[in-house]
Amino acid sequence: WYSIFHAVSAFCNAGIDLLGGNSFCNYVDNGMVNLV
């Protein structure tokens, strides 16, 4: 569910996340999340 939600949010340029309010800050060093 997280994958589907964030893919739609990213493509639609919404920027809304379900990860606790810190957006992708916990994935700053994760290449896959950044590149996708």
PDB file of all heavy atoms in Angstrom:
ATOM      1  N   TRP A   1       0.833  -1.206   0.000  1.00  0.00           N
ATOM      2  CA  TRP A   1       0.000   0.000   0.000  1.00  0.00           C
ATOM      3  C   TRP A   1       0.868   1.257   0.000  1.00  0.00           C
ATOM      4  O   TRP A   1       0.581   2.215  -0.726  1.00  0.00           O
ATOM      5  CB  TRP A   1      -0.932  -0.010   1.194  1.00  0.00           C
ATOM      6  CG  TRP A   1      -1.661   1.287   1.434  1.00  0.00           C
ATOM      7  CD1 TRP A   1      -1.574   2.100   2.511  1.00  0.00           C
ATOM      8  CD2 TRP A   1      -2.599   1.914   0.543  1.00  0.00           C
ATOM      9  NE1 TRP A   1      -2.376   3.200   2.361  1.00  0.00           N
ATOM     10  CE2 TRP A   1      -3.017   3.106   1.165  1.00  0.00           C
ATOM     11  CE3 TRP A   1      -3.108   1.594  -0.721  1.00  0.00           C
ATOM     12  CZ2 TRP A   1      -3.940   3.978   0.574  1.00  0.00           C
ATOM     13  CZ3 TRP A   1      -4.023   2.464  -1.302  1.00  0.00           C
ATOM     14  CH2 TRP A   1      -4.422   3.630  -0.661  1.00  0.00           C
ATOM     15  N   TYR A   2       1.920   1.251   0.787  1.00  0.00           N
ATOM     16  CA  TYR A   2       2.834   2.398   0.820  1.00  0.00           C
ATOM     17  C   TYR A   2       3.431   2.655  -0.560  1.00  0.00           C
ATOM     18  O   TYR A   2       3.588   3.812  -0.985  1.00  0.00           O
ATOM     19  CB  TYR A   2       3.963   2.146   1.823  1.00  0.00           C
ATOM     20  CG  TYR A   2       3.598   2.392   3.267  1.00  0.00           C
ATOM     21  CD1 TYR A   2       2.283   2.628   3.643  1.00  0.00           C
ATOM     22  CD2 TYR A   2       4.561   2.377   4.267  1.00  0.00           C
ATOM     23  CE1 TYR A   2       1.936   2.839   4.959  1.00  0.00           C
ATOM     24  CE2 TYR A   2       4.235   2.609   5.593  1.00  0.00           C
ATOM     25  CZ  TYR A   2       2.923   2.833   5.933  1.00  0.00           C
ATOM     26  OH  TYR A   2       2.593   3.060   7.244  1.00  0.00           O
ATOM     27  N   SER A   3       3.765   1.594  -1.271  1.00  0.00           N
ATOM     28  CA  SER A   3       4.368   1.737  -2.597  1.00  0.00           C
ATOM     29  C   SER A   3       3.390   2.371  -3.579  1.00  0.00           C
ATOM     30  O   SER A   3       3.750   3.284  -4.341  1.00  0.00           O
ATOM     31  CB  SER A   3       4.809   0.367  -3.124  1.00  0.00           C
ATOM     32  OG  SER A   3       5.745  -0.230  -2.256  1.00  0.00           O
ATOM     33  N   ILE A   4       2.146   1.890  -3.565  1.00  0.00           N
ATOM     34  CA  ILE A   4       1.128   2.428  -4.469  1.00  0.00           C
ATOM     35  C   ILE A   4       0.839   3.886  -4.136  1.00  0.00           C
ATOM     36  O   ILE A   4       0.817   4.759  -5.021  1.00  0.00           O
ATOM     37  CB  ILE A   4      -0.159   1.593  -4.388  1.00  0.00           C
ATOM     38  CG1 ILE A   4       0.103   0.168  -4.875  1.00  0.00           C
ATOM     39  CG2 ILE A   4      -1.281   2.244  -5.190  1.00  0.00           C
ATOM     40  CD1 ILE A   4      -1.067  -0.782  -4.660  1.00  0.00           C
ATOM     41  N   PHE A   5       0.636   4.173  -2.858  1.00  0.00           N
ATOM     42  CA  PHE A   5       0.270   5.526  -2.434  1.00  0.00           C
ATOM     43  C   PHE A   5       1.355   6.530  -2.807  1.00  0.00           C
ATOM     44  O   PHE A   5       1.074   7.593  -3.380  1.00  0.00           O
ATOM     45  CB  PHE A   5       0.028   5.555  -0.921  1.00  0.00           C
ATOM     46  CG  PHE A   5      -0.522   6.867  -0.424  1.00  0.00           C
ATOM     47  CD1 PHE A   5      -1.885   7.028  -0.244  1.00  0.00           C
ATOM     48  CD2 PHE A   5       0.309   7.944  -0.140  1.00  0.00           C
ATOM     49  CE1 PHE A   5      -2.411   8.241   0.203  1.00  0.00           C
ATOM     50  CE2 PHE A   5      -0.198   9.152   0.310  1.00  0.00           C
ATOM     51  CZ  PHE A   5      -1.561   9.302   0.481  1.00  0.00           C
ATOM     52  N   HIS A   6       2.603   6.209  -2.499  1.00  0.00           N
ATOM     53  CA  HIS A   6       3.678   7.167  -2.747  1.00  0.00           C
ATOM     54  C   HIS A   6       4.009   7.292  -4.233  1.00  0.00           C
ATOM     55  O   HIS A   6       4.470   8.357  -4.670  1.00  0.00           O
ATOM     56  CB  HIS A   6       4.920   6.776  -1.938  1.00  0.00           C
ATOM     57  CG  HIS A   6       4.739   6.942  -0.468  1.00  0.00           C
ATOM     58  ND1 HIS A   6       4.459   5.885   0.372  1.00  0.00           N
ATOM     59  CD2 HIS A   6       4.776   8.042   0.322  1.00  0.00           C
ATOM     60  CE1 HIS A   6       4.341   6.327   1.614  1.00  0.00           C
ATOM     61  NE2 HIS A   6       4.523   7.631   1.609  1.00  0.00           N
ATOM     62  N   ALA A   7       3.754   6.235  -5.018  1.00  0.00           N
ATOM     63  CA  ALA A   7       3.950   6.334  -6.464  1.00  0.00           C
ATOM     64  C   ALA A   7       2.946   7.310  -7.070  1.00  0.00           C
ATOM     65  O   ALA A   7       3.305   8.155  -7.898  1.00  0.00           O
ATOM     66  CB  ALA A   7       3.818   4.961  -7.117  1.00  0.00           C
ATOM     67  N   VAL A   8       1.687   7.201  -6.656  1.00  0.00           N
ATOM     68  CA  VAL A   8       0.652   8.125  -7.136  1.00  0.00           C
ATOM     69  C   VAL A   8       0.943   9.537  -6.648  1.00  0.00           C
ATOM     70  O   VAL A   8       0.845  10.510  -7.403  1.00  0.00           O
ATOM     71  CB  VAL A   8      -0.743   7.672  -6.665  1.00  0.00           C
ATOM     72  CG1 VAL A   8      -1.796   8.710  -7.032  1.00  0.00           C
ATOM     73  CG2 VAL A   8      -1.094   6.321  -7.270  1.00  0.00           C
ATOM     74  N   SER A   9       1.317   9.660  -5.377  1.00  0.00           N
ATOM     75  CA  SER A   9       1.619  10.973  -4.803  1.00  0.00           C
ATOM     76  C   SER A   9       2.798  11.636  -5.506  1.00  0.00           C
ATOM     77  O   SER A   9       2.791  12.842  -5.760  1.00  0.00           O
ATOM     78  CB  SER A   9       1.915  10.826  -3.308  1.00  0.00           C
ATOM     79  OG  SER A   9       2.105  12.094  -2.698  1.00  0.00           O
ATOM     80  N   ALA A  10       3.818  10.845  -5.860  1.00  0.00           N
ATOM     81  CA  ALA A  10       4.994  11.395  -6.533  1.00  0.00           C
ATOM     82  C   ALA A  10       4.678  11.780  -7.972  1.00  0.00           C
ATOM     83  O   ALA A  10       5.051  12.869  -8.425  1.00  0.00           O
ATOM     84  CB  ALA A  10       6.144  10.388  -6.495  1.00  0.00           C
ATOM     85  N   PHE A  11       3.977  10.906  -8.708  1.00  0.00           N
ATOM     86  CA  PHE A  11       3.672  11.215 -10.102  1.00  0.00           C
ATOM     87  C   PHE A  11       2.741  12.415 -10.218  1.00  0.00           C
ATOM     88  O   PHE A  11       2.888  13.239 -11.134  1.00  0.00           O
ATOM     89  CB  PHE A  11       3.035  10.011 -10.803  1.00  0.00           C
ATOM     90  CG  PHE A  11       2.764  10.253 -12.252  1.00  0.00           C
ATOM     91  CD1 PHE A  11       3.772  10.096 -13.193  1.00  0.00           C
ATOM     92  CD2 PHE A  11       1.512  10.657 -12.688  1.00  0.00           C
ATOM     93  CE1 PHE A  11       3.533  10.340 -14.546  1.00  0.00           C
ATOM     94  CE2 PHE A  11       1.264  10.910 -14.032  1.00  0.00           C
ATOM     95  CZ  PHE A  11       2.279  10.748 -14.957  1.00  0.00           C
ATOM     96  N   CYS A  12       1.784  12.521  -9.314  1.00  0.00           N
ATOM     97  CA  CYS A  12       0.858  13.656  -9.340  1.00  0.00           C
ATOM     98  C   CYS A  12       1.443  14.901  -8.681  1.00  0.00           C
ATOM     99  O   CYS A  12       0.773  15.919  -8.555  1.00  0.00           O
ATOM    100  CB  CYS A  12      -0.459  13.277  -8.660  1.00  0.00           C
ATOM    101  SG  CYS A  12      -1.401  12.025  -9.563  1.00  0.00           S
ATOM    102  N   ASN A  13       2.701  14.809  -8.243  1.00  0.00           N
ATOM    103  CA  ASN A  13       3.390  15.940  -7.615  1.00  0.00           C
ATOM    104  C   ASN A  13       2.689  16.416  -6.357  1.00  0.00           C
ATOM    105  O   ASN A  13       2.685  17.613  -6.044  1.00  0.00           O
ATOM    106  CB  ASN A  13       3.524  17.106  -8.612  1.00  0.00           C
ATOM    107  CG  ASN A  13       4.656  16.916  -9.601  1.00  0.00           C
ATOM    108  OD1 ASN A  13       5.220  17.873 -10.115  1.00  0.00           O
ATOM    109  ND2 ASN A  13       5.005  15.679  -9.863  1.00  0.00           N
ATOM    110  N   ALA A  14       2.067  15.480  -5.622  1.00  0.00           N
ATOM    111  CA  ALA A  14       1.340  15.847  -4.406  1.00  0.00           C
ATOM    112  C   ALA A  14       2.273  15.974  -3.205  1.00  0.00           C
ATOM    113  O   ALA A  14       2.140  16.878  -2.394  1.00  0.00           O
ATOM    114  CB  ALA A  14       0.245  14.822  -4.123  1.00  0.00           C
ATOM    115  N   GLY A  15       3.200  15.037  -3.050  1.00  0.00           N
ATOM    116  CA  GLY A  15       4.146  15.118  -1.945  1.00  0.00           C
ATOM    117  C   GLY A  15       3.590  14.710  -0.599  1.00  0.00           C
ATOM    118  O   GLY A  15       4.224  14.929   0.432  1.00  0.00           O
ATOM    119  N   ILE A  16       2.402  14.114  -0.572  1.00  0.00           N
ATOM    120  CA  ILE A  16       1.817  13.636   0.687  1.00  0.00           C
ATOM    121  C   ILE A  16       2.354  12.239   0.974  1.00  0.00           C
ATOM    122  O   ILE A  16       2.372  11.374   0.104  1.00  0.00           O
ATOM    123  CB  ILE A  16       0.282  13.613   0.595  1.00  0.00           C
ATOM    124  CG1 ILE A  16      -0.245  15.050   0.418  1.00  0.00           C
ATOM    125  CG2 ILE A  16      -0.344  12.958   1.815  1.00  0.00           C
ATOM    126  CD1 ILE A  16      -1.742  15.135   0.239  1.00  0.00           C
ATOM    127  N   ASP A  17       2.797  12.009   2.218  1.00  0.00           N
ATOM    128  CA  ASP A  17       3.400  10.718   2.558  1.00  0.00           C
ATOM    129  C   ASP A  17       2.697  10.097   3.756  1.00  0.00           C
ATOM    130  O   ASP A  17       1.963  10.767   4.486  1.00  0.00           O
ATOM    131  CB  ASP A  17       4.896  10.905   2.869  1.00  0.00           C
ATOM    132  CG  ASP A  17       5.128  11.637   4.170  1.00  0.00           C
ATOM    133  OD1 ASP A  17       5.123  12.886   4.161  1.00  0.00           O
ATOM    134  OD2 ASP A  17       5.298  10.970   5.219  1.00  0.00           O
ATOM    135  N   LEU A  18       2.950   8.812   3.951  1.00  0.00           N
ATOM    136  CA  LEU A  18       2.365   8.053   5.069  1.00  0.00           C
ATOM    137  C   LEU A  18       3.437   7.594   6.050  1.00  0.00           C
ATOM    138  O   LEU A  18       3.196   6.704   6.861  1.00  0.00           O
ATOM    139  CB  LEU A  18       1.621   6.827   4.531  1.00  0.00           C
ATOM    140  CG  LEU A  18       0.541   7.078   3.478  1.00  0.00           C
ATOM    141  CD1 LEU A  18      -0.029   5.744   2.994  1.00  0.00           C
ATOM    142  CD2 LEU A  18      -0.563   7.965   4.024  1.00  0.00           C
ATOM    143  N   LEU A  19       4.620   8.203   5.994  1.00  0.00           N
ATOM    144  CA  LEU A  19       5.780   7.678   6.706  1.00  0.00           C
ATOM    145  C   LEU A  19       6.058   8.368   8.042  1.00  0.00           C
ATOM    146  O   LEU A  19       7.164   8.302   8.557  1.00  0.00           O
ATOM    147  CB  LEU A  19       7.021   7.780   5.807  1.00  0.00           C
ATOM    148  CG  LEU A  19       6.894   7.065   4.459  1.00  0.00           C
ATOM    149  CD1 LEU A  19       8.128   7.302   3.610  1.00  0.00           C
ATOM    150  CD2 LEU A  19       6.677   5.570   4.667  1.00  0.00           C
ATOM    151  N   GLY A  20       5.071   9.054   8.584  1.00  0.00           N
ATOM    152  CA  GLY A  20       5.247   9.618   9.912  1.00  0.00           C
ATOM    153  C   GLY A  20       5.496  11.108   9.960  1.00  0.00           C
ATOM    154  O   GLY A  20       5.835  11.648  11.008  1.00  0.00           O
ATOM    155  N   GLY A  21       5.347  11.795   8.845  1.00  0.00           N
ATOM    156  CA  GLY A  21       5.487  13.241   8.850  1.00  0.00           C
ATOM    157  C   GLY A  21       6.863  13.758   8.504  1.00  0.00           C
ATOM    158  O   GLY A  21       7.062  14.968   8.381  1.00  0.00           O
ATOM    159  N   ASN A  22       7.855  12.864   8.323  1.00  0.00           N
ATOM    160  CA  ASN A  22       9.203  13.298   7.967  1.00  0.00           C
ATOM    161  C   ASN A  22       9.496  13.131   6.483  1.00  0.00           C
ATOM    162  O   ASN A  22      10.659  13.180   6.078  1.00  0.00           O
ATOM    163  CB  ASN A  22      10.239  12.507   8.777  1.00  0.00           C
ATOM    164  CG  ASN A  22      10.198  12.860  10.246  1.00  0.00           C
ATOM    165  OD1 ASN A  22       9.977  14.015  10.607  1.00  0.00           O
ATOM    166  ND2 ASN A  22      10.385  11.866  11.101  1.00  0.00           N
ATOM    167  N   SER A  23       8.431  12.895   5.702  1.00  0.00           N
ATOM    168  CA  SER A  23       8.585  12.678   4.264  1.00  0.00           C
ATOM    169  C   SER A  23       9.610  11.558   4.034  1.00  0.00           C
ATOM    170  O   SER A  23       9.562  10.516   4.696  1.00  0.00           O
ATOM    171  CB  SER A  23       8.994  13.977   3.564  1.00  0.00           C
ATOM    172  OG  SER A  23       8.861  13.856   2.158  1.00  0.00           O
ATOM    173  N   PHE A  24      10.579  11.769   3.144  1.00  0.00           N
ATOM    174  CA  PHE A  24      11.588  10.758   2.852  1.00  0.00           C
ATOM    175  C   PHE A  24      12.921  11.044   3.536  1.00  0.00           C
ATOM    176  O   PHE A  24      13.970  10.572   3.070  1.00  0.00           O
ATOM    177  CB  PHE A  24      11.810  10.659   1.343  1.00  0.00           C
ATOM    178  CG  PHE A  24      10.675  10.015   0.591  1.00  0.00           C
ATOM    179  CD1 PHE A  24      10.431  10.352  -0.732  1.00  0.00           C
ATOM    180  CD2 PHE A  24       9.856   9.073   1.200  1.00  0.00           C
ATOM    181  CE1 PHE A  24       9.390   9.755  -1.437  1.00  0.00           C
ATOM    182  CE2 PHE A  24       8.812   8.478   0.517  1.00  0.00           C
ATOM    183  CZ  PHE A  24       8.575   8.815  -0.808  1.00  0.00           C
ATOM    184  N   CYS A  25      12.894  11.783   4.639  1.00  0.00           N
ATOM    185  CA  CYS A  25      14.140  12.139   5.334  1.00  0.00           C
ATOM    186  C   CYS A  25      14.899  10.904   5.818  1.00  0.00           C
ATOM    187  O   CYS A  25      16.136  10.916   5.880  1.00  0.00           O
ATOM    188  CB  CYS A  25      13.845  13.074   6.507  1.00  0.00           C
ATOM    189  SG  CYS A  25      13.346  14.736   5.994  1.00  0.00           S
ATOM    190  N   ASN A  26      14.179   9.851   6.169  1.00  0.00           N
ATOM    191  CA  ASN A  26      14.835   8.625   6.625  1.00  0.00           C
ATOM    192  C   ASN A  26      15.454   7.837   5.471  1.00  0.00           C
ATOM    193  O   ASN A  26      16.160   6.847   5.700  1.00  0.00           O
ATOM    194  CB  ASN A  26      13.833   7.733   7.364  1.00  0.00           C
ATOM    195  CG  ASN A  26      13.353   8.359   8.664  1.00  0.00           C
ATOM    196  OD1 ASN A  26      14.061   9.160   9.280  1.00  0.00           O
ATOM    197  ND2 ASN A  26      12.148   8.016   9.084  1.00  0.00           N
ATOM    198  N   TYR A  27      15.191   8.281   4.234  1.00  0.00           N
ATOM    199  CA  TYR A  27      15.711   7.580   3.050  1.00  0.00           C
ATOM    200  C   TYR A  27      16.656   8.463   2.249  1.00  0.00           C
ATOM    201  O   TYR A  27      16.836   8.256   1.053  1.00  0.00           O
ATOM    202  CB  TYR A  27      14.543   7.137   2.166  1.00  0.00           C
ATOM    203  CG  TYR A  27      13.593   6.188   2.853  1.00  0.00           C
ATOM    204  CD1 TYR A  27      12.471   6.651   3.525  1.00  0.00           C
ATOM    205  CD2 TYR A  27      13.840   4.817   2.851  1.00  0.00           C
ATOM    206  CE1 TYR A  27      11.607   5.779   4.166  1.00  0.00           C
ATOM    207  CE2 TYR A  27      12.979   3.933   3.481  1.00  0.00           C
ATOM    208  CZ  TYR A  27      11.873   4.422   4.150  1.00  0.00           C
ATOM    209  OH  TYR A  27      11.020   3.556   4.791  1.00  0.00           O
ATOM    210  N   VAL A  28      17.282   9.421   2.913  1.00  0.00           N
ATOM    211  CA  VAL A  28      18.166  10.343   2.217  1.00  0.00           C
ATOM    212  C   VAL A  28      19.340   9.619   1.563  1.00  0.00           C
ATOM    213  O   VAL A  28      19.873  10.081   0.542  1.00  0.00           O
ATOM    214  CB  VAL A  28      18.677  11.434   3.192  1.00  0.00           C
ATOM    215  CG1 VAL A  28      19.526  10.831   4.305  1.00  0.00           C
ATOM    216  CG2 VAL A  28      19.455  12.518   2.451  1.00  0.00           C
ATOM    217  N   ASP A  29      19.721   8.466   2.124  1.00  0.00           N
ATOM    218  CA  ASP A  29      20.846   7.705   1.567  1.00  0.00           C
ATOM    219  C   ASP A  29      20.392   6.470   0.796  1.00  0.00           C
ATOM    220  O   ASP A  29      21.209   5.618   0.437  1.00  0.00           O
ATOM    221  CB  ASP A  29      21.810   7.291   2.676  1.00  0.00           C
ATOM    222  CG  ASP A  29      21.127   6.456   3.756  1.00  0.00           C
ATOM    223  OD1 ASP A  29      19.876   6.380   3.756  1.00  0.00           O
ATOM    224  OD2 ASP A  29      21.842   5.881   4.604  1.00  0.00           O
ATOM    225  N   ASN A  30      19.074   6.349   0.548  1.00  0.00           N
ATOM    226  CA  ASN A  30      18.541   5.191  -0.171  1.00  0.00           C
ATOM    227  C   ASN A  30      18.426   5.528  -1.655  1.00  0.00           C
ATOM    228  O   ASN A  30      17.562   6.306  -2.068  1.00  0.00           O
ATOM    229  CB  ASN A  30      17.177   4.793   0.395  1.00  0.00           C
ATOM    230  CG  ASN A  30      16.673   3.471  -0.158  1.00  0.00           C
ATOM    231  OD1 ASN A  30      16.451   3.328  -1.353  1.00  0.00           O
ATOM    232  ND2 ASN A  30      16.500   2.492   0.718  1.00  0.00           N
ATOM    233  N   GLY A  31      19.273   4.928  -2.460  1.00  0.00           N
ATOM    234  CA  GLY A  31      19.309   5.241  -3.877  1.00  0.00           C
ATOM    235  C   GLY A  31      18.024   4.920  -4.603  1.00  0.00           C
ATOM    236  O   GLY A  31      17.579   5.685  -5.467  1.00  0.00           O
ATOM    237  N   MET A  32      17.386   3.784  -4.274  1.00  0.00           N
ATOM    238  CA  MET A  32      16.173   3.372  -4.967  1.00  0.00           C
ATOM    239  C   MET A  32      15.037   4.367  -4.732  1.00  0.00           C
ATOM    240  O   MET A  32      14.373   4.809  -5.675  1.00  0.00           O
ATOM    241  CB  MET A  32      15.750   1.975  -4.506  1.00  0.00           C
ATOM    242  CG  MET A  32      14.465   1.471  -5.164  1.00  0.00           C
ATOM    243  SD  MET A  32      14.588   1.352  -6.979  1.00  0.00           S
ATOM    244  CE  MET A  32      15.712  -0.033  -7.138  1.00  0.00           C
ATOM    245  N   VAL A  33      14.789   4.732  -3.477  1.00  0.00           N
ATOM    246  CA  VAL A  33      13.715   5.683  -3.166  1.00  0.00           C
ATOM    247  C   VAL A  33      13.986   7.022  -3.837  1.00  0.00           C
ATOM    248  O   VAL A  33      13.078   7.645  -4.414  1.00  0.00           O
ATOM    249  CB  VAL A  33      13.566   5.859  -1.639  1.00  0.00           C
ATOM    250  CG1 VAL A  33      12.599   7.002  -1.324  1.00  0.00           C
ATOM    251  CG2 VAL A  33      13.068   4.568  -1.007  1.00  0.00           C
ATOM    252  N   ASN A  34      15.232   7.479  -3.785  1.00  0.00           N
ATOM    253  CA  ASN A  34      15.578   8.756  -4.392  1.00  0.00           C
ATOM    254  C   ASN A  34      15.379   8.733  -5.899  1.00  0.00           C
ATOM    255  O   ASN A  34      14.754   9.638  -6.473  1.00  0.00           O
ATOM    256  CB  ASN A  34      17.036   9.113  -4.075  1.00  0.00           C
ATOM    257  CG  ASN A  34      17.209   9.748  -2.720  1.00  0.00           C
ATOM    258  OD1 ASN A  34      17.329  10.964  -2.584  1.00  0.00           O
ATOM    259  ND2 ASN A  34      17.239   8.924  -1.677  1.00  0.00           N
ATOM    260  N   LEU A  35      15.895   7.710  -6.553  1.00  0.00           N
ATOM    261  CA  LEU A  35      15.842   7.664  -8.017  1.00  0.00           C
ATOM    262  C   LEU A  35      14.413   7.466  -8.537  1.00  0.00           C
ATOM    263  O   LEU A  35      14.032   8.076  -9.539  1.00  0.00           O
ATOM    264  CB  LEU A  35      16.750   6.549  -8.541  1.00  0.00           C
ATOM    265  CG  LEU A  35      18.253   6.782  -8.330  1.00  0.00           C
ATOM    266  CD1 LEU A  35      19.053   5.572  -8.816  1.00  0.00           C
ATOM    267  CD2 LEU A  35      18.712   8.044  -9.051  1.00  0.00           C
ATOM    268  N   VAL A  36      13.630   6.624  -7.870  1.00  0.00           N
ATOM    269  CA  VAL A  36      12.240   6.416  -8.284  1.00  0.00           C
ATOM    270  C   VAL A  36      11.454   7.716  -8.152  1.00  0.00           C
ATOM    271  O   VAL A  36      10.702   8.108  -9.061  1.00  0.00           O
ATOM    272  CB  VAL A  36      11.576   5.300  -7.457  1.00  0.00           C
ATOM    273  CG1 VAL A  36      10.069   5.273  -7.705  1.00  0.00           C
ATOM    274  CG2 VAL A  36      12.176   3.949  -7.812  1.00  0.00           C
TER     275      VAL A  36
END
